[in-house]
Amino acid sequence: MTTSAPPPGESANPAEESPPRGWTDVRFRPVNLLLLLPLISILPFLFNSEEPTLAGMPFFYWFQLLVIPVGILCTVAVHRLTRHVDEEGEQ
């Protein structure tokens, strides 16, 4: 009895097939927090206004000053979440 080879693109052993890729692969990674501030900083429609003012300072200026401590907090959070992970992503 002879067996024929599977069609191209199909595996002979179903256990060797990789799971389907797509939205199931989307997951949170701590390093993504580092992308948050550059994204906010390059979207001027988020902060391009004078109101509300804070101690007489327009929103544009105090929002930019607020971004600095938020960036520090994101950097510290990424460091704490990844300090036990080696370069290959293993703990």
PDB file of N, CA and C in Angstrom:
ATOM      1  N   MET A   1       0.845  -1.161   0.000  1.00  0.00           N
ATOM      2  CA  MET A   1       0.000   0.000   0.000  1.00  0.00           C
ATOM      3  C   MET A   1       0.894   1.229   0.000  1.00  0.00           C
ATOM      4  N   THR A   2       0.610   2.146  -0.875  1.00  0.00           N
ATOM      5  CA  THR A   2       1.418   3.359  -0.964  1.00  0.00           C
ATOM      6  C   THR A   2       0.612   4.549  -0.471  1.00  0.00           C
ATOM      7  N   THR A   3       1.361   5.484   0.065  1.00  0.00           N
ATOM      8  CA  THR A   3       0.698   6.719   0.504  1.00  0.00           C
ATOM      9  C   THR A   3       1.214   7.860  -0.348  1.00  0.00           C
ATOM     10  N   SER A   4       0.349   8.779  -0.612  1.00  0.00           N
ATOM     11  CA  SER A   4       0.777   9.917  -1.423  1.00  0.00           C
ATOM     12  C   SER A   4       1.209  11.061  -0.504  1.00  0.00           C
ATOM     13  N   ALA A   5       2.016  11.915  -1.014  1.00  0.00           N
ATOM     14  CA  ALA A   5       2.492  13.067  -0.245  1.00  0.00           C
ATOM     15  C   ALA A   5       1.350  14.071  -0.103  1.00  0.00           C
ATOM     16  N   PRO A   6       1.337  14.787   0.993  1.00  0.00           N
ATOM     17  CA  PRO A   6       0.285  15.792   1.168  1.00  0.00           C
ATOM     18  C   PRO A   6       0.453  16.925   0.165  1.00  0.00           C
ATOM     19  N   PRO A   7      -0.618  17.606  -0.154  1.00  0.00           N
ATOM     20  CA  PRO A   7      -0.513  18.719  -1.100  1.00  0.00           C
ATOM     21  C   PRO A   7       0.430  19.795  -0.558  1.00  0.00           C
ATOM     22  N   PRO A   8       1.002  20.580  -1.439  1.00  0.00           N
ATOM     23  CA  PRO A   8       1.909  21.640  -0.977  1.00  0.00           C
ATOM     24  C   PRO A   8       1.194  22.578   0.000  1.00  0.00           C
ATOM     25  N   GLY A   9       1.903  22.963   1.030  1.00  0.00           N
ATOM     26  CA  GLY A   9       1.326  23.865   2.022  1.00  0.00           C
ATOM     27  C   GLY A   9       0.682  23.141   3.182  1.00  0.00           C
ATOM     28  N   GLU A  10       0.472  21.838   3.050  1.00  0.00           N
ATOM     29  CA  GLU A  10      -0.120  21.066   4.137  1.00  0.00           C
ATOM     30  C   GLU A  10       0.953  20.184   4.758  1.00  0.00           C
ATOM     31  N   SER A  11       0.842  19.974   6.042  1.00  0.00           N
ATOM     32  CA  SER A  11       1.799  19.144   6.742  1.00  0.00           C
ATOM     33  C   SER A  11       1.280  17.708   6.789  1.00  0.00           C
ATOM     34  N   ALA A  12       2.196  16.759   6.739  1.00  0.00           N
ATOM     35  CA  ALA A  12       1.795  15.364   6.824  1.00  0.00           C
ATOM     36  C   ALA A  12       1.328  15.028   8.229  1.00  0.00           C
ATOM     37  N   ASN A  13       1.900  15.674   9.227  1.00  0.00           N
ATOM     38  CA  ASN A  13       1.541  15.440  10.612  1.00  0.00           C
ATOM     39  C   ASN A  13       0.773  16.653  11.138  1.00  0.00           C
ATOM     40  N   PRO A  14      -0.497  16.470  11.525  1.00  0.00           N
ATOM     41  CA  PRO A  14      -1.273  17.616  12.008  1.00  0.00           C
ATOM     42  C   PRO A  14      -0.674  18.263  13.253  1.00  0.00           C
ATOM     43  N   ALA A  15       0.100  17.515  14.036  1.00  0.00           N
ATOM     44  CA  ALA A  15       0.708  18.073  15.243  1.00  0.00           C
ATOM     45  C   ALA A  15       1.788  19.097  14.896  1.00  0.00           C
ATOM     46  N   GLU A  16       2.353  19.015  13.692  1.00  0.00           N
ATOM     47  CA  GLU A  16       3.399  19.937  13.280  1.00  0.00           C
ATOM     48  C   GLU A  16       2.856  21.269  12.789  1.00  0.00           C
ATOM     49  N   GLU A  17       1.550  21.344  12.559  1.00  0.00           N
ATOM     50  CA  GLU A  17       0.971  22.578  12.039  1.00  0.00           C
ATOM     51  C   GLU A  17       1.040  23.672  13.094  1.00  0.00           C
ATOM     52  N   SER A  18       1.368  24.854  12.655  1.00  0.00           N
ATOM     53  CA  SER A  18       1.410  25.974  13.589  1.00  0.00           C
ATOM     54  C   SER A  18      -0.007  26.513  13.767  1.00  0.00           C
ATOM     55  N   PRO A  19      -0.277  27.086  14.928  1.00  0.00           N
ATOM     56  CA  PRO A  19      -1.612  27.625  15.152  1.00  0.00           C
ATOM     57  C   PRO A  19      -1.858  28.808  14.230  1.00  0.00           C
ATOM     58  N   PRO A  20      -3.096  29.064  13.908  1.00  0.00           N
ATOM     59  CA  PRO A  20      -3.378  30.189  13.016  1.00  0.00           C
ATOM     60  C   PRO A  20      -2.955  31.501  13.666  1.00  0.00           C
ATOM     61  N   ARG A  21      -2.399  32.375  12.854  1.00  0.00           N
ATOM     62  CA  ARG A  21      -1.940  33.657  13.385  1.00  0.00           C
ATOM     63  C   ARG A  21      -3.026  34.701  13.142  1.00  0.00           C
ATOM     64  N   GLY A  22      -3.052  35.679  13.980  1.00  0.00           N
ATOM     65  CA  GLY A  22      -4.046  36.735  13.837  1.00  0.00           C
ATOM     66  C   GLY A  22      -4.187  37.484  15.135  1.00  0.00           C
ATOM     67  N   TRP A  23      -5.385  37.891  15.436  1.00  0.00           N
ATOM     68  CA  TRP A  23      -5.633  38.686  16.635  1.00  0.00           C
ATOM     69  C   TRP A  23      -5.337  37.916  17.910  1.00  0.00           C
ATOM     70  N   THR A  24      -5.271  36.608  17.848  1.00  0.00           N
ATOM     71  CA  THR A  24      -4.970  35.836  19.056  1.00  0.00           C
ATOM     72  C   THR A  24      -3.541  36.056  19.517  1.00  0.00           C
ATOM     73  N   ASP A  25      -2.675  36.577  18.629  1.00  0.00           N
ATOM     74  CA  ASP A  25      -1.278  36.802  18.981  1.00  0.00           C
ATOM     75  C   ASP A  25      -1.046  38.173  19.617  1.00  0.00           C
ATOM     76  N   VAL A  26      -2.061  39.017  19.635  1.00  0.00           N
ATOM     77  CA  VAL A  26      -1.899  40.350  20.206  1.00  0.00           C
ATOM     78  C   VAL A  26      -1.914  40.223  21.723  1.00  0.00           C
ATOM     79  N   ARG A  27      -0.848  40.690  22.333  1.00  0.00           N
ATOM     80  CA  ARG A  27      -0.774  40.654  23.788  1.00  0.00           C
ATOM     81  C   ARG A  27       0.078  41.818  24.274  1.00  0.00           C
ATOM     82  N   PHE A  28      -0.109  42.176  25.510  1.00  0.00           N
ATOM     83  CA  PHE A  28       0.599  43.301  26.093  1.00  0.00           C
ATOM     84  C   PHE A  28       2.047  42.927  26.351  1.00  0.00           C
ATOM     85  N   ARG A  29       2.925  43.802  25.967  1.00  0.00           N
ATOM     86  CA  ARG A  29       4.337  43.667  26.299  1.00  0.00           C
ATOM     87  C   ARG A  29       4.744  44.960  26.983  1.00  0.00           C
ATOM     88  N   PRO A  30       5.465  44.879  28.084  1.00  0.00           N
ATOM     89  CA  PRO A  30       5.826  46.088  28.829  1.00  0.00           C
ATOM     90  C   PRO A  30       6.575  47.121  27.996  1.00  0.00           C
ATOM     91  N   VAL A  31       7.341  46.680  27.018  1.00  0.00           N
ATOM     92  CA  VAL A  31       8.118  47.612  26.205  1.00  0.00           C
ATOM     93  C   VAL A  31       7.193  48.543  25.411  1.00  0.00           C
ATOM     94  N   ASN A  32       5.954  48.133  25.195  1.00  0.00           N
ATOM     95  CA  ASN A  32       5.006  48.979  24.474  1.00  0.00           C
ATOM     96  C   ASN A  32       4.734  50.279  25.206  1.00  0.00           C
ATOM     97  N   LEU A  33       4.934  50.303  26.524  1.00  0.00           N
ATOM     98  CA  LEU A  33       4.742  51.544  27.268  1.00  0.00           C
ATOM     99  C   LEU A  33       5.703  52.635  26.802  1.00  0.00           C
ATOM    100  N   LEU A  34       6.863  52.234  26.303  1.00  0.00           N
ATOM    101  CA  LEU A  34       7.831  53.218  25.834  1.00  0.00           C
ATOM    102  C   LEU A  34       7.385  53.895  24.539  1.00  0.00           C
ATOM    103  N   LEU A  35       6.430  53.318  23.850  1.00  0.00           N
ATOM    104  CA  LEU A  35       5.905  53.918  22.624  1.00  0.00           C
ATOM    105  C   LEU A  35       4.796  54.927  22.901  1.00  0.00           C
ATOM    106  N   LEU A  36       4.282  54.922  24.113  1.00  0.00           N
ATOM    107  CA  LEU A  36       3.148  55.762  24.465  1.00  0.00           C
ATOM    108  C   LEU A  36       3.463  57.253  24.330  1.00  0.00           C
ATOM    109  N   LEU A  37       4.550  57.712  24.908  1.00  0.00           N
ATOM    110  CA  LEU A  37       4.842  59.143  24.907  1.00  0.00           C
ATOM    111  C   LEU A  37       5.215  59.714  23.543  1.00  0.00           C
ATOM    112  N   PRO A  38       6.044  59.041  22.757  1.00  0.00           N
ATOM    113  CA  PRO A  38       6.281  59.604  21.423  1.00  0.00           C
ATOM    114  C   PRO A  38       4.989  59.689  20.614  1.00  0.00           C
ATOM    115  N   LEU A  39       4.111  58.732  20.783  1.00  0.00           N
ATOM    116  CA  LEU A  39       2.844  58.769  20.067  1.00  0.00           C
ATOM    117  C   LEU A  39       2.013  59.970  20.495  1.00  0.00           C
ATOM    118  N   ILE A  40       1.936  60.217  21.797  1.00  0.00           N
ATOM    119  CA  ILE A  40       1.178  61.360  22.294  1.00  0.00           C
ATOM    120  C   ILE A  40       1.828  62.665  21.844  1.00  0.00           C
ATOM    121  N   SER A  41       3.136  62.716  21.852  1.00  0.00           N
ATOM    122  CA  SER A  41       3.852  63.952  21.529  1.00  0.00           C
ATOM    123  C   SER A  41       3.769  64.336  20.061  1.00  0.00           C
ATOM    124  N   ILE A  42       3.552  63.383  19.157  1.00  0.00           N
ATOM    125  CA  ILE A  42       3.497  63.725  17.731  1.00  0.00           C
ATOM    126  C   ILE A  42       2.078  63.943  17.234  1.00  0.00           C
ATOM    127  N   LEU A  43       1.095  63.889  18.127  1.00  0.00           N
ATOM    128  CA  LEU A  43      -0.290  64.142  17.743  1.00  0.00           C
ATOM    129  C   LEU A  43      -0.748  65.476  18.329  1.00  0.00           C
ATOM    130  N   PRO A  44      -0.449  66.591  17.643  1.00  0.00           N
ATOM    131  CA  PRO A  44      -0.712  67.899  18.229  1.00  0.00           C
ATOM    132  C   PRO A  44      -2.185  68.206  18.458  1.00  0.00           C
ATOM    133  N   PHE A  45      -3.084  67.543  17.760  1.00  0.00           N
ATOM    134  CA  PHE A  45      -4.500  67.832  17.983  1.00  0.00           C
ATOM    135  C   PHE A  45      -4.933  67.441  19.395  1.00  0.00           C
ATOM    136  N   LEU A  46      -4.131  66.628  20.090  1.00  0.00           N
ATOM    137  CA  LEU A  46      -4.464  66.263  21.464  1.00  0.00           C
ATOM    138  C   LEU A  46      -4.216  67.403  22.450  1.00  0.00           C
ATOM    139  N   PHE A  47      -3.286  68.292  22.135  1.00  0.00           N
ATOM    140  CA  PHE A  47      -2.916  69.324  23.104  1.00  0.00           C
ATOM    141  C   PHE A  47      -2.828  70.724  22.502  1.00  0.00           C
ATOM    142  N   ASN A  48      -3.330  70.932  21.299  1.00  0.00           N
ATOM    143  CA  ASN A  48      -3.231  72.220  20.634  1.00  0.00           C
ATOM    144  C   ASN A  48      -4.383  73.133  21.036  1.00  0.00           C
ATOM    145  N   SER A  49      -4.344  73.622  22.275  1.00  0.00           N
ATOM    146  CA  SER A  49      -5.351  74.574  22.743  1.00  0.00           C
ATOM    147  C   SER A  49      -4.789  75.371  23.911  1.00  0.00           C
ATOM    148  N   GLU A  50      -5.454  76.477  24.200  1.00  0.00           N
ATOM    149  CA  GLU A  50      -5.028  77.301  25.321  1.00  0.00           C
ATOM    150  C   GLU A  50      -5.804  76.965  26.587  1.00  0.00           C
ATOM    151  N   GLU A  51      -7.004  76.487  26.440  1.00  0.00           N
ATOM    152  CA  GLU A  51      -7.846  76.153  27.606  1.00  0.00           C
ATOM    153  C   GLU A  51      -7.785  74.662  27.845  1.00  0.00           C
ATOM    154  N   PRO A  52      -7.795  74.186  29.033  1.00  0.00           N
ATOM    155  CA  PRO A  52      -7.853  74.886  30.308  1.00  0.00           C
ATOM    156  C   PRO A  52      -6.457  75.378  30.710  1.00  0.00           C
ATOM    157  N   THR A  53      -6.443  76.445  31.446  1.00  0.00           N
ATOM    158  CA  THR A  53      -5.174  76.974  31.933  1.00  0.00           C
ATOM    159  C   THR A  53      -4.902  76.447  33.335  1.00  0.00           C
ATOM    160  N   LEU A  54      -3.651  76.374  33.685  1.00  0.00           N
ATOM    161  CA  LEU A  54      -3.239  75.927  35.016  1.00  0.00           C
ATOM    162  C   LEU A  54      -2.267  76.962  35.564  1.00  0.00           C
ATOM    163  N   ALA A  55      -2.697  77.701  36.582  1.00  0.00           N
ATOM    164  CA  ALA A  55      -1.915  78.793  37.164  1.00  0.00           C
ATOM    165  C   ALA A  55      -1.519  79.814  36.096  1.00  0.00           C
ATOM    166  N   GLY A  56      -2.446  80.086  35.170  1.00  0.00           N
ATOM    167  CA  GLY A  56      -2.200  81.064  34.117  1.00  0.00           C
ATOM    168  C   GLY A  56      -1.415  80.521  32.941  1.00  0.00           C
ATOM    169  N   MET A  57      -1.010  79.259  32.990  1.00  0.00           N
ATOM    170  CA  MET A  57      -0.234  78.652  31.918  1.00  0.00           C
ATOM    171  C   MET A  57      -1.183  77.923  30.960  1.00  0.00           C
ATOM    172  N   PRO A  58      -1.096  78.211  29.646  1.00  0.00           N
ATOM    173  CA  PRO A  58      -1.978  77.534  28.687  1.00  0.00           C
ATOM    174  C   PRO A  58      -1.774  76.014  28.692  1.00  0.00           C
ATOM    175  N   PHE A  59      -2.828  75.316  28.286  1.00  0.00           N
ATOM    176  CA  PHE A  59      -2.821  73.849  28.268  1.00  0.00           C
ATOM    177  C   PHE A  59      -1.634  73.304  27.498  1.00  0.00           C
ATOM    178  N   PHE A  60      -1.296  73.909  26.357  1.00  0.00           N
ATOM    179  CA  PHE A  60      -0.203  73.411  25.535  1.00  0.00           C
ATOM    180  C   PHE A  60       1.075  73.245  26.345  1.00  0.00           C
ATOM    181  N   TYR A  61       1.394  74.243  27.176  1.00  0.00           N
ATOM    182  CA  TYR A  61       2.651  74.209  27.919  1.00  0.00           C
ATOM    183  C   TYR A  61       2.598  73.247  29.106  1.00  0.00           C
ATOM    184  N   TRP A  62       1.519  73.293  29.896  1.00  0.00           N
ATOM    185  CA  TRP A  62       1.525  72.423  31.062  1.00  0.00           C
ATOM    186  C   TRP A  62       1.322  70.969  30.682  1.00  0.00           C
ATOM    187  N   PHE A  63       0.692  70.705  29.537  1.00  0.00           N
ATOM    188  CA  PHE A  63       0.579  69.319  29.075  1.00  0.00           C
ATOM    189  C   PHE A  63       1.954  68.768  28.702  1.00  0.00           C
ATOM    190  N   GLN A  64       2.752  69.594  28.007  1.00  0.00           N
ATOM    191  CA  GLN A  64       4.104  69.157  27.636  1.00  0.00           C
ATOM    192  C   GLN A  64       4.956  68.910  28.874  1.00  0.00           C
ATOM    193  N   LEU A  65       4.784  69.731  29.904  1.00  0.00           N
ATOM    194  CA  LEU A  65       5.528  69.515  31.146  1.00  0.00           C
ATOM    195  C   LEU A  65       5.033  68.275  31.888  1.00  0.00           C
ATOM    196  N   LEU A  66       3.763  67.949  31.742  1.00  0.00           N
ATOM    197  CA  LEU A  66       3.204  66.750  32.372  1.00  0.00           C
ATOM    198  C   LEU A  66       3.717  65.475  31.701  1.00  0.00           C
ATOM    199  N   VAL A  67       4.033  65.561  30.418  1.00  0.00           N
ATOM    200  CA  VAL A  67       4.519  64.394  29.675  1.00  0.00           C
ATOM    201  C   VAL A  67       5.848  63.893  30.251  1.00  0.00           C
ATOM    202  N   ILE A  68       6.660  64.780  30.781  1.00  0.00           N
ATOM    203  CA  ILE A  68       7.980  64.396  31.301  1.00  0.00           C
ATOM    204  C   ILE A  68       7.865  63.408  32.465  1.00  0.00           C
ATOM    205  N   PRO A  69       7.107  63.718  33.553  1.00  0.00           N
ATOM    206  CA  PRO A  69       7.007  62.730  34.638  1.00  0.00           C
ATOM    207  C   PRO A  69       6.271  61.458  34.219  1.00  0.00           C
ATOM    208  N   VAL A  70       5.329  61.570  33.288  1.00  0.00           N
ATOM    209  CA  VAL A  70       4.648  60.359  32.807  1.00  0.00           C
ATOM    210  C   VAL A  70       5.638  59.463  32.068  1.00  0.00           C
ATOM    211  N   GLY A  71       6.546  60.076  31.295  1.00  0.00           N
ATOM    212  CA  GLY A  71       7.590  59.299  30.608  1.00  0.00           C
ATOM    213  C   GLY A  71       8.517  58.614  31.581  1.00  0.00           C
ATOM    214  N   ILE A  72       8.846  59.307  32.663  1.00  0.00           N
ATOM    215  CA  ILE A  72       9.702  58.697  33.683  1.00  0.00           C
ATOM    216  C   ILE A  72       8.990  57.520  34.327  1.00  0.00           C
ATOM    217  N   LEU A  73       7.709  57.675  34.636  1.00  0.00           N
ATOM    218  CA  LEU A  73       6.945  56.577  35.239  1.00  0.00           C
ATOM    219  C   LEU A  73       6.843  55.378  34.299  1.00  0.00           C
ATOM    220  N   CYS A  74       6.658  55.632  32.999  1.00  0.00           N
ATOM    221  CA  CYS A  74       6.599  54.523  32.030  1.00  0.00           C
ATOM    222  C   CYS A  74       7.938  53.799  31.948  1.00  0.00           C
ATOM    223  N   THR A  75       9.030  54.549  31.958  1.00  0.00           N
ATOM    224  CA  THR A  75      10.359  53.937  31.895  1.00  0.00           C
ATOM    225  C   THR A  75      10.641  53.092  33.133  1.00  0.00           C
ATOM    226  N   VAL A  76      10.279  53.609  34.306  1.00  0.00           N
ATOM    227  CA  VAL A  76      10.467  52.851  35.550  1.00  0.00           C
ATOM    228  C   VAL A  76       9.594  51.595  35.538  1.00  0.00           C
ATOM    229  N   ALA A  77       8.362  51.712  35.058  1.00  0.00           N
ATOM    230  CA  ALA A  77       7.467  50.548  35.001  1.00  0.00           C
ATOM    231  C   ALA A  77       8.032  49.468  34.082  1.00  0.00           C
ATOM    232  N   VAL A  78       8.543  49.859  32.908  1.00  0.00           N
ATOM    233  CA  VAL A  78       9.130  48.873  31.987  1.00  0.00           C
ATOM    234  C   VAL A  78      10.357  48.225  32.618  1.00  0.00           C
ATOM    235  N   HIS A  79      11.167  49.009  33.294  1.00  0.00           N
ATOM    236  CA  HIS A  79      12.345  48.443  33.948  1.00  0.00           C
ATOM    237  C   HIS A  79      11.944  47.420  35.003  1.00  0.00           C
ATOM    238  N   ARG A  80      10.982  47.762  35.846  1.00  0.00           N
ATOM    239  CA  ARG A  80      10.566  46.842  36.908  1.00  0.00           C
ATOM    240  C   ARG A  80       9.902  45.577  36.346  1.00  0.00           C
ATOM    241  N   LEU A  81       9.142  45.724  35.259  1.00  0.00           N
ATOM    242  CA  LEU A  81       8.459  44.566  34.682  1.00  0.00           C
ATOM    243  C   LEU A  81       9.395  43.646  33.913  1.00  0.00           C
ATOM    244  N   THR A  82      10.527  44.170  33.463  1.00  0.00           N
ATOM    245  CA  THR A  82      11.412  43.362  32.616  1.00  0.00           C
ATOM    246  C   THR A  82      12.785  43.119  33.223  1.00  0.00           C
ATOM    247  N   ARG A  83      13.023  43.481  34.468  1.00  0.00           N
ATOM    248  CA  ARG A  83      14.367  43.336  35.017  1.00  0.00           C
ATOM    249  C   ARG A  83      14.787  41.894  35.242  1.00  0.00           C
ATOM    250  N   HIS A  84      13.858  40.949  35.276  1.00  0.00           N
ATOM    251  CA  HIS A  84      14.201  39.540  35.479  1.00  0.00           C
ATOM    252  C   HIS A  84      14.140  38.756  34.174  1.00  0.00           C
ATOM    253  N   VAL A  85      14.024  39.437  33.080  1.00  0.00           N
ATOM    254  CA  VAL A  85      13.926  38.784  31.781  1.00  0.00           C
ATOM    255  C   VAL A  85      15.243  38.983  31.035  1.00  0.00           C
ATOM    256  N   ASP A  86      15.818  37.884  30.527  1.00  0.00           N
ATOM    257  CA  ASP A  86      17.076  38.006  29.801  1.00  0.00           C
ATOM    258  C   ASP A  86      16.815  38.467  28.357  1.00  0.00           C
ATOM    259  N   GLU A  87      17.866  38.528  27.546  1.00  0.00           N
ATOM    260  CA  GLU A  87      17.747  39.041  26.187  1.00  0.00           C
ATOM    261  C   GLU A  87      16.850  38.196  25.297  1.00  0.00           C
ATOM    262  N   GLU A  88      16.726  36.922  25.573  1.00  0.00           N
ATOM    263  CA  GLU A  88      15.895  36.046  24.783  1.00  0.00           C
ATOM    264  C   GLU A  88      14.439  36.071  25.226  1.00  0.00           C
ATOM    265  N   GLY A  89      14.127  36.813  26.272  1.00  0.00           N
ATOM    266  CA  GLY A  89      12.749  36.894  26.753  1.00  0.00           C
ATOM    267  C   GLY A  89      12.411  35.833  27.772  1.00  0.00           C
ATOM    268  N   GLU A  90      13.411  35.089  28.235  1.00  0.00           N
ATOM    269  CA  GLU A  90      13.170  34.040  29.227  1.00  0.00           C
ATOM    270  C   GLU A  90      13.523  34.548  30.610  1.00  0.00           C
ATOM    271  N   GLN A  91      12.779  34.073  31.587  1.00  0.00           N
ATOM    272  CA  GLN A  91      13.026  34.515  32.958  1.00  0.00           C
ATOM    273  C   GLN A  91      14.036  33.644  33.653  1.00  0.00           C
TER     274      GLN A  91
END
